[in-house]
C-alpha atoms as a PDB file:
ATOM      1  CA  MET A   1      12.160 -10.168  12.414  1.00  0.00           C
ATOM      2  CA  TYR A   2      14.079 -13.595  11.626  1.00  0.00           C
ATOM      3  CA  TYR A   3      10.875 -15.778  11.162  1.00  0.00           C
ATOM      4  CA  ASN A   4      13.195 -18.676  10.119  1.00  0.00           C
ATOM      5  CA  LYS A   5      14.424 -18.807  13.512  1.00  0.00           C
ATOM      6  CA  VAL A   6      11.249 -19.069  15.695  1.00  0.00           C
ATOM      7  CA  GLU A   7       8.144 -21.169  15.638  1.00  0.00           C
ATOM      8  CA  LEU A   8       4.433 -19.707  14.064  1.00  0.00           C
ATOM      9  CA  CYS A   9       1.223 -21.489  14.655  1.00  0.00           C
ATOM     10  CA  GLY A  10       2.842 -24.120  15.959  1.00  0.00           C
ATOM     11  CA  VAL A  11       5.114 -24.551  12.623  1.00  0.00           C
ATOM     12  CA  ASN A  12       8.942 -24.679  13.298  1.00  0.00           C
ATOM     13  CA  THR A  13      10.004 -22.319  10.828  1.00  0.00           C
ATOM     14  CA  SER A  14      13.578 -22.983  10.709  1.00  0.00           C
ATOM     15  CA  LYS A  15      12.649 -27.024   9.103  1.00  0.00           C
ATOM     16  CA  LEU A  16      10.322 -25.920   6.623  1.00  0.00           C
ATOM     17  CA  LYS A  17      10.731 -28.020   3.694  1.00  0.00           C
ATOM     18  CA  THR A  18      10.973 -26.609   0.059  1.00  0.00           C
ATOM     19  CA  LEU A  19      10.007 -27.678  -3.570  1.00  0.00           C
ATOM     20  CA  THR A  20      12.066 -28.280  -6.711  1.00  0.00           C
ATOM     21  CA  SER A  21       9.943 -26.798 -10.065  1.00  0.00           C
ATOM     22  CA  GLU A  22       9.286 -29.964 -11.454  1.00  0.00           C
ATOM     23  CA  GLU A  23       8.165 -31.278  -7.866  1.00  0.00           C
ATOM     24  CA  LYS A  24       5.533 -28.455  -7.532  1.00  0.00           C
ATOM     25  CA  ASN A  25       4.570 -29.214 -11.274  1.00  0.00           C
ATOM     26  CA  ASP A  26       3.889 -32.972 -10.243  1.00  0.00           C
ATOM     27  CA  LEU A  27       1.642 -31.859  -7.209  1.00  0.00           C
ATOM     28  CA  LEU A  28       0.076 -29.261  -9.000  1.00  0.00           C
ATOM     29  CA  SER A  29      -0.955 -32.037 -11.859  1.00  0.00           C
ATOM     30  CA  LYS A  30      -2.124 -34.257  -8.971  1.00  0.00           C
ATOM     31  CA  VAL A  31      -4.129 -31.696  -7.418  1.00  0.00           C
ATOM     32  CA  LYS A  32      -6.053 -30.679 -10.621  1.00  0.00           C
ATOM     33  CA  LYS A  33      -7.394 -34.279 -10.666  1.00  0.00           C
ATOM     34  CA  GLY A  34      -8.445 -33.610  -6.884  1.00  0.00           C
ATOM     35  CA  ASP A  35      -5.784 -35.318  -4.892  1.00  0.00           C
ATOM     36  CA  LYS A  36      -6.177 -34.348  -1.299  1.00  0.00           C
ATOM     37  CA  GLU A  37      -2.648 -35.747  -0.459  1.00  0.00           C
ATOM     38  CA  ALA A  38      -0.433 -33.890  -2.789  1.00  0.00           C
ATOM     39  CA  ARG A  39      -3.002 -30.941  -2.269  1.00  0.00           C
ATOM     40  CA  THR A  40      -1.566 -31.089   1.438  1.00  0.00           C
ATOM     41  CA  LYS A  41       1.875 -31.647   0.292  1.00  0.00           C
ATOM     42  CA  LEU A  42       1.888 -28.370  -1.951  1.00  0.00           C
ATOM     43  CA  ILE A  43       1.241 -26.287   0.887  1.00  0.00           C
ATOM     44  CA  ASP A  44       3.426 -27.533   3.401  1.00  0.00           C
ATOM     45  CA  GLY A  45       6.258 -27.086   0.422  1.00  0.00           C
ATOM     46  CA  ASN A  46       5.062 -23.236  -0.105  1.00  0.00           C
ATOM     47  CA  LEU A  47       5.046 -22.209   3.433  1.00  0.00           C
ATOM     48  CA  ARG A  48       8.160 -20.651   3.361  1.00  0.00           C
ATOM     49  CA  LEU A  49       7.012 -18.443   0.725  1.00  0.00           C
ATOM     50  CA  VAL A  50       4.192 -17.151   3.004  1.00  0.00           C
ATOM     51  CA  LEU A  51       6.980 -16.670   6.029  1.00  0.00           C
ATOM     52  CA  SER A  52       8.863 -14.482   3.129  1.00  0.00           C
ATOM     53  CA  ILE A  53       6.137 -12.542   2.495  1.00  0.00           C
ATOM     54  CA  ILE A  54       4.818 -11.829   5.632  1.00  0.00           C
ATOM     55  CA  GLN A  55       8.460 -10.575   6.600  1.00  0.00           C
ATOM     56  CA  ARG A  56       7.453  -7.642   4.235  1.00  0.00           C
ATOM     57  CA  PHE A  57       4.786  -6.757   6.797  1.00  0.00           C
ATOM     58  CA  ALA A  58       7.146  -6.857   9.848  1.00  0.00           C
ATOM     59  CA  GLY A  59       6.467  -3.941  12.680  1.00  0.00           C
ATOM     60  CA  ARG A  60       2.733  -3.910  11.943  1.00  0.00           C
ATOM     61  CA  SER A  61       0.797  -4.217  15.153  1.00  0.00           C
ATOM     62  CA  SER A  62      -0.854  -7.825  14.219  1.00  0.00           C
ATOM     63  CA  ASP A  63       0.992 -10.854  15.610  1.00  0.00           C
ATOM     64  CA  ALA A  64       3.311 -13.005  13.716  1.00  0.00           C
ATOM     65  CA  ASP A  65       0.870 -15.845  13.974  1.00  0.00           C
ATOM     66  CA  ASP A  66      -2.247 -14.382  12.501  1.00  0.00           C
ATOM     67  CA  LEU A  67      -0.288 -12.829   9.312  1.00  0.00           C
ATOM     68  CA  PHE A  68       0.872 -16.511   8.829  1.00  0.00           C
ATOM     69  CA  GLN A  69      -2.154 -18.267   9.231  1.00  0.00           C
ATOM     70  CA  VAL A  70      -3.812 -15.441   6.929  1.00  0.00           C
ATOM     71  CA  GLY A  71      -0.791 -16.112   4.557  1.00  0.00           C
ATOM     72  CA  CYS A  72      -1.638 -19.279   4.624  1.00  0.00           C
ATOM     73  CA  ILE A  73      -5.073 -18.925   3.614  1.00  0.00           C
ATOM     74  CA  GLY A  74      -4.133 -16.916   0.120  1.00  0.00           C
ATOM     75  CA  LEU A  75      -1.460 -19.723  -0.280  1.00  0.00           C
ATOM     76  CA  ILE A  76      -4.754 -22.299  -0.250  1.00  0.00           C
ATOM     77  CA  LYS A  77      -6.637 -19.995  -2.418  1.00  0.00           C
ATOM     78  CA  ALA A  78      -4.060 -19.612  -4.825  1.00  0.00           C
ATOM     79  CA  ILE A  79      -3.643 -23.302  -5.157  1.00  0.00           C
ATOM     80  CA  ASP A  80      -7.127 -24.043  -5.232  1.00  0.00           C
ATOM     81  CA  ASN A  81      -7.611 -21.630  -8.543  1.00  0.00           C
ATOM     82  CA  PHE A  82      -4.441 -22.079 -10.180  1.00  0.00           C
ATOM     83  CA  ASP A  83      -4.351 -23.259 -13.841  1.00  0.00           C
ATOM     84  CA  MET A  84      -1.379 -24.662 -14.900  1.00  0.00           C
ATOM     85  CA  ASP A  85      -2.385 -23.497 -18.732  1.00  0.00           C
ATOM     86  CA  ILE A  86      -1.549 -20.213 -18.240  1.00  0.00           C
ATOM     87  CA  GLY A  87       1.401 -20.651 -18.673  1.00  0.00           C
ATOM     88  CA  VAL A  88       3.268 -18.966 -15.523  1.00  0.00           C
ATOM     89  CA  LYS A  89       4.937 -20.379 -12.608  1.00  0.00           C
ATOM     90  CA  PHE A  90       2.755 -21.130  -9.544  1.00  0.00           C
ATOM     91  CA  SER A  91       4.718 -18.184  -7.218  1.00  0.00           C
ATOM     92  CA  THR A  92       3.963 -15.558  -9.718  1.00  0.00           C
ATOM     93  CA  TYR A  93       0.582 -16.415  -9.138  1.00  0.00           C
ATOM     94  CA  ALA A  94       0.588 -16.981  -5.634  1.00  0.00           C
ATOM     95  CA  VAL A  95       2.409 -13.715  -4.820  1.00  0.00           C
ATOM     96  CA  PRO A  96      -0.325 -11.457  -5.419  1.00  0.00           C
ATOM     97  CA  MET A  97      -2.906 -13.727  -3.841  1.00  0.00           C
ATOM     98  CA  ILE A  98      -1.021 -14.105  -0.586  1.00  0.00           C
ATOM     99  CA  ILE A  99       0.130 -10.253  -0.383  1.00  0.00           C
ATOM    100  CA  GLY A 100      -3.816  -9.701  -1.286  1.00  0.00           C
ATOM    101  CA  GLU A 101      -5.444 -11.732   1.552  1.00  0.00           C
ATOM    102  CA  ILE A 102      -2.831 -10.235   4.209  1.00  0.00           C
ATOM    103  CA  ARG A 103      -3.874  -6.635   2.846  1.00  0.00           C
ATOM    104  CA  ARG A 104      -7.285  -7.510   3.440  1.00  0.00           C
ATOM    105  CA  TYR A 105      -7.146  -8.287   6.702  1.00  0.00           C
ATOM    106  CA  LEU A 106      -4.654  -5.725   8.102  1.00  0.00           C
ATOM    107  CA  ARG A 107      -7.525  -3.204   6.707  1.00  0.00           C
ATOM    108  CA  ASP A 108     -10.559  -4.857   8.157  1.00  0.00           C
ATOM    109  CA  ASN A 109      -8.841  -5.149  11.267  1.00  0.00           C
ATOM    110  CA  ASN A 110      -7.552  -1.443  11.138  1.00  0.00           C
ATOM    111  CA  MET A 111      -7.826   0.396  14.948  1.00  0.00           C
ATOM    112  CA  LEU A 112      -8.845   3.115  12.843  1.00  0.00           C
ATOM    113  CA  ARG A 113     -12.523   2.113  12.051  1.00  0.00           C
ATOM    114  CA  VAL A 114     -14.120   3.616   9.061  1.00  0.00           C
ATOM    115  CA  SER A 115     -17.999   2.986   8.582  1.00  0.00           C
ATOM    116  CA  ARG A 116     -19.473   1.038   6.253  1.00  0.00           C
ATOM    117  CA  GLY A 117     -21.191   3.769   4.327  1.00  0.00           C
ATOM    118  CA  THR A 118     -17.624   5.558   4.237  1.00  0.00           C
ATOM    119  CA  ARG A 119     -15.712   2.174   2.963  1.00  0.00           C
ATOM    120  CA  ASP A 120     -18.793   1.145   0.861  1.00  0.00           C
ATOM    121  CA  LEU A 121     -18.417   4.688  -1.474  1.00  0.00           C
ATOM    122  CA  ALA A 122     -14.545   4.574  -1.536  1.00  0.00           C
ATOM    123  CA  TYR A 123     -14.725   1.331  -3.142  1.00  0.00           C
ATOM    124  CA  ARG A 124     -17.476   2.285  -5.165  1.00  0.00           C
ATOM    125  CA  ALA A 125     -14.966   5.102  -6.581  1.00  0.00           C
ATOM    126  CA  LEU A 126     -12.284   3.261  -7.029  1.00  0.00           C
ATOM    127  CA  ASN A 127     -14.124   0.704  -9.012  1.00  0.00           C
ATOM    128  CA  ALA A 128     -15.871   3.964 -10.947  1.00  0.00           C
ATOM    129  CA  LYS A 129     -11.988   5.218 -11.175  1.00  0.00           C
ATOM    130  CA  GLU A 130     -10.606   2.246 -13.324  1.00  0.00           C
ATOM    131  CA  SER A 131     -13.704   1.925 -15.677  1.00  0.00           C
ATOM    132  CA  LEU A 132     -13.465   5.938 -16.412  1.00  0.00           C
ATOM    133  CA  SER A 133     -10.010   5.097 -16.931  1.00  0.00           C
ATOM    134  CA  LYS A 134     -10.187   2.936 -19.777  1.00  0.00           C
ATOM    135  CA  THR A 135     -13.191   5.122 -21.615  1.00  0.00           C
ATOM    136  CA  MET A 136     -11.371   8.333 -20.805  1.00  0.00           C
ATOM    137  CA  LEU A 137      -8.148   7.297 -21.552  1.00  0.00           C
ATOM    138  CA  ARG A 138      -6.434   9.276 -18.827  1.00  0.00           C
ATOM    139  CA  GLU A 139      -6.385   9.231 -15.279  1.00  0.00           C
ATOM    140  CA  PRO A 140      -9.675  10.272 -13.945  1.00  0.00           C
ATOM    141  CA  THR A 141     -10.164  13.314 -11.670  1.00  0.00           C
ATOM    142  CA  VAL A 142     -11.939  13.398  -8.360  1.00  0.00           C
ATOM    143  CA  GLU A 143     -14.472  15.393 -10.004  1.00  0.00           C
ATOM    144  CA  ASP A 144     -15.206  12.574 -12.849  1.00  0.00           C
ATOM    145  CA  ILE A 145     -15.086  10.062 -10.411  1.00  0.00           C
ATOM    146  CA  ALA A 146     -17.852  12.020  -8.290  1.00  0.00           C
ATOM    147  CA  LYS A 147     -19.973  13.001 -11.204  1.00  0.00           C
ATOM    148  CA  GLU A 148     -19.786   9.451 -12.293  1.00  0.00           C
ATOM    149  CA  LEU A 149     -21.464   8.346  -8.863  1.00  0.00           C
ATOM    150  CA  GLY A 150     -23.620  11.043  -8.528  1.00  0.00           C
ATOM    151  CA  GLU A 151     -21.665  12.325  -5.122  1.00  0.00           C
ATOM    152  CA  GLU A 152     -19.885  15.366  -3.927  1.00  0.00           C
ATOM    153  CA  PRO A 153     -16.436  15.751  -4.921  1.00  0.00           C
ATOM    154  CA  ARG A 154     -15.438  16.408  -1.152  1.00  0.00           C
ATOM    155  CA  ALA A 155     -17.227  13.063   0.107  1.00  0.00           C
ATOM    156  CA  VAL A 156     -15.501  11.124  -2.372  1.00  0.00           C
ATOM    157  CA  THR A 157     -11.903  12.569  -1.883  1.00  0.00           C
ATOM    158  CA  GLU A 158     -12.550  11.978   2.305  1.00  0.00           C
ATOM    159  CA  ALA A 159     -13.918   8.378   1.492  1.00  0.00           C
ATOM    160  CA  LEU A 160     -10.672   7.346  -0.447  1.00  0.00           C
ATOM    161  CA  GLU A 161      -8.509   9.274   2.285  1.00  0.00           C
ATOM    162  CA  ALA A 162     -10.213   6.956   5.055  1.00  0.00           C
ATOM    163  CA  ILE A 163      -9.360   3.661   3.383  1.00  0.00           C
ATOM    164  CA  MET A 164      -5.715   4.452   2.809  1.00  0.00           C
ATOM    165  CA  GLU A 165      -3.317   2.094   5.035  1.00  0.00           C
ATOM    166  CA  PRO A 166      -1.736   4.213   7.810  1.00  0.00           C
ATOM    167  CA  VAL A 167       2.132   4.123   7.566  1.00  0.00           C
ATOM    168  CA  SER A 168       4.049   1.981  10.111  1.00  0.00           C
ATOM    169  CA  LEU A 169       6.753   3.815  11.520  1.00  0.00           C
ATOM    170  CA  TYR A 170       8.896   0.464  10.662  1.00  0.00           C
ATOM    171  CA  ASP A 171       8.295   0.862   7.261  1.00  0.00           C
ATOM    172  CA  PRO A 172      11.848   1.304   5.149  1.00  0.00           C
ATOM    173  CA  VAL A 173      11.963   4.036   2.964  1.00  0.00           C
ATOM    174  CA  TYR A 174      15.635   2.948   1.625  1.00  0.00           C
ATOM    175  CA  SER A 175      17.700   0.029   1.238  1.00  0.00           C
ATOM    176  CA  GLU A 176      21.110  -1.313   0.705  1.00  0.00           C
ATOM    177  CA  GLY A 177      23.354  -4.248   1.287  1.00  0.00           C
ATOM    178  CA  GLY A 178      20.757  -5.335   4.003  1.00  0.00           C
ATOM    179  CA  ASP A 179      20.895  -1.909   5.616  1.00  0.00           C
ATOM    180  CA  SER A 180      17.466  -0.088   5.795  1.00  0.00           C
ATOM    181  CA  ILE A 181      16.499   3.230   6.838  1.00  0.00           C
ATOM    182  CA  TYR A 182      12.756   3.398   8.280  1.00  0.00           C
ATOM    183  CA  ILE A 183      10.212   6.185   8.743  1.00  0.00           C
ATOM    184  CA  MET A 184      10.843   6.092  12.462  1.00  0.00           C
ATOM    185  CA  ASP A 185      14.643   7.062  11.844  1.00  0.00           C
ATOM    186  CA  GLN A 186      13.698  10.438  10.196  1.00  0.00           C
ATOM    187  CA  ILE A 187      11.145  11.490  13.151  1.00  0.00           C
ATOM    188  CA  ARG A 188      13.087  14.214  14.840  1.00  0.00           C
ATOM    189  CA  ASP A 189      12.653  16.986  16.814  1.00  0.00           C
ATOM    190  CA  GLU A 190      13.334  19.869  14.930  1.00  0.00           C
ATOM    191  CA  GLU A 191      13.312  22.745  17.397  1.00  0.00           C
ATOM    192  CA  CYS A 192      16.095  20.580  18.911  1.00  0.00           C
ATOM    193  CA  ASN A 193      18.166  19.422  15.635  1.00  0.00           C
ATOM    194  CA  ASP A 194      21.228  21.505  14.625  1.00  0.00           C
ATOM    195  CA  GLU A 195      20.195  21.211  11.048  1.00  0.00           C
ATOM    196  CA  GLY A 196      16.817  22.361  11.371  1.00  0.00           C
ATOM    197  CA  TRP A 197      17.117  26.055  11.047  1.00  0.00           C
ATOM    198  CA  LEU A 198      19.782  25.472   7.754  1.00  0.00           C
ATOM    199  CA  GLU A 199      16.408  23.916   6.169  1.00  0.00           C
ATOM    200  CA  ASN A 200      13.912  26.444   6.979  1.00  0.00           C
ATOM    201  CA  ILE A 201      16.444  28.750   5.823  1.00  0.00           C
ATOM    202  CA  ALA A 202      16.237  26.945   2.314  1.00  0.00           C
ATOM    203  CA  ILE A 203      12.927  26.656   1.968  1.00  0.00           C
ATOM    204  CA  ALA A 204      11.837  30.092   2.450  1.00  0.00           C
ATOM    205  CA  GLU A 205      14.746  30.926   0.202  1.00  0.00           C
ATOM    206  CA  ALA A 206      13.335  28.611  -2.385  1.00  0.00           C
ATOM    207  CA  MET A 207       9.411  29.591  -1.689  1.00  0.00           C
ATOM    208  CA  LYS A 208      10.246  33.598  -2.622  1.00  0.00           C
ATOM    209  CA  LYS A 209      10.702  32.446  -6.009  1.00  0.00           C
ATOM    210  CA  LEU A 210       6.823  30.946  -6.100  1.00  0.00           C
ATOM    211  CA  SER A 211       3.913  32.857  -7.387  1.00  0.00           C
ATOM    212  CA  ASP A 212       1.488  33.782  -4.729  1.00  0.00           C
ATOM    213  CA  ARG A 213      -0.910  31.309  -5.494  1.00  0.00           C
ATOM    214  CA  GLU A 214       1.726  28.786  -4.953  1.00  0.00           C
ATOM    215  CA  LYS A 215       2.936  30.183  -1.826  1.00  0.00           C
ATOM    216  CA  SER A 216      -0.721  30.120  -0.834  1.00  0.00           C
ATOM    217  CA  ILE A 217      -1.651  26.884  -1.849  1.00  0.00           C
ATOM    218  CA  ILE A 218       2.063  25.131  -0.651  1.00  0.00           C
ATOM    219  CA  THR A 219       1.225  26.997   2.854  1.00  0.00           C
ATOM    220  CA  MET A 220      -2.285  26.011   3.301  1.00  0.00           C
ATOM    221  CA  ARG A 221      -1.210  22.202   2.508  1.00  0.00           C
ATOM    222  CA  PHE A 222       1.453  21.806   4.461  1.00  0.00           C
ATOM    223  CA  TYR A 223       1.656  24.548   6.951  1.00  0.00           C
ATOM    224  CA  LYS A 224      -2.434  24.633   7.808  1.00  0.00           C
ATOM    225  CA  GLY A 225      -2.770  20.802   6.880  1.00  0.00           C
ATOM    226  CA  LYS A 226      -5.631  21.440   4.251  1.00  0.00           C
ATOM    227  CA  THR A 227      -6.741  18.925   1.726  1.00  0.00           C
ATOM    228  CA  GLN A 228      -6.594  19.727  -2.147  1.00  0.00           C
ATOM    229  CA  MET A 229     -10.395  19.847  -1.986  1.00  0.00           C
ATOM    230  CA  GLU A 230     -10.430  21.989   0.775  1.00  0.00           C
ATOM    231  CA  ILE A 231      -7.975  24.284  -0.721  1.00  0.00           C
ATOM    232  CA  ALA A 232     -10.098  24.226  -3.847  1.00  0.00           C
ATOM    233  CA  ASP A 233     -13.283  25.195  -2.540  1.00  0.00           C
ATOM    234  CA  GLU A 234     -11.283  28.198  -0.867  1.00  0.00           C
ATOM    235  CA  ILE A 235      -9.419  29.488  -3.679  1.00  0.00           C
ATOM    236  CA  GLY A 236     -12.564  28.658  -6.512  1.00  0.00           C
ATOM    237  CA  ILE A 237     -10.649  26.371  -8.757  1.00  0.00           C
ATOM    238  CA  SER A 238     -11.160  22.623  -9.137  1.00  0.00           C
ATOM    239  CA  GLN A 239      -8.985  19.576  -7.033  1.00  0.00           C
ATOM    240  CA  ALA A 240      -7.195  19.141 -10.129  1.00  0.00           C
ATOM    241  CA  GLN A 241      -5.452  22.433 -11.165  1.00  0.00           C
ATOM    242  CA  VAL A 242      -4.908  22.519  -7.065  1.00  0.00           C
ATOM    243  CA  SER A 243      -3.108  18.856  -7.638  1.00  0.00           C
ATOM    244  CA  ARG A 244      -1.164  20.273 -10.974  1.00  0.00           C
ATOM    245  CA  ILE A 245       0.002  23.330  -8.970  1.00  0.00           C
ATOM    246  CA  GLU A 246       1.288  21.573  -5.952  1.00  0.00           C
ATOM    247  CA  LYS A 247       2.958  19.173  -7.833  1.00  0.00           C
ATOM    248  CA  SER A 248       4.814  22.220  -9.454  1.00  0.00           C
ATOM    249  CA  ALA A 249       5.831  24.310  -7.021  1.00  0.00           C
ATOM    250  CA  LEU A 250       7.276  21.537  -4.823  1.00  0.00           C
ATOM    251  CA  GLU A 251       9.644  20.490  -7.745  1.00  0.00           C
ATOM    252  CA  ARG A 252      10.571  24.285  -8.123  1.00  0.00           C
ATOM    253  CA  ILE A 253      11.274  24.262  -4.494  1.00  0.00           C
ATOM    254  CA  ARG A 254      13.380  21.050  -4.689  1.00  0.00           C
ATOM    255  CA  LYS A 255      15.436  22.553  -7.552  1.00  0.00           C
ATOM    256  CA  GLY A 256      15.781  26.016  -5.599  1.00  0.00           C
ATOM    257  CA  MET A 257      17.283  24.076  -2.285  1.00  0.00           C
END
């Protein structure tokens, strides 16, 4: 998508201004002193930065105009909160601010609606995970997080999975020299694919080298579509153990193929 050749929100993107580092610093100094005209010039001079960021979200269901406006909100927040004394470039500070604003918009306007209770539990779980990571000096398990929150592990797992952003078919999985391979390029009908039966044979041969428990977990996980928590409940081990066994088995399958 070539946003620099179209008009977004009434703005001709091919004519967006750019500022030098000296001009940005000068305007930032004036903004810090309350100069509203300098603030407007700084916003206008960084719209191309917003434009470059929203191209990362190309292919999402949201309208490009909406994303551009949301990105501009992130830019304005960055300008109003930037501290020149921290010793970093303005763009270094602004980019994550703009991306965060866009991601929040996409999350809150997702067509897959998540109940407030589930969303609140997920955010509490994320906060608990960050806090536990600092005190435990390791990656906390779902059981650790659930215990900290006084919730059931299954509920925590389902809440975290519910807020995961859906993957777009237009998300690139590989890029080189300007050419990209997207997720949609890798979707195919295995029954009509000449290579499908060869892959199935290779996977079957690789799985023969797994232990019975590894085979069982891989089968339930990828052929029956069960979550790690469901598998853990079914075979009587922790979710963390299921995760470790699954990771080890997948690595052995890759090597076997």
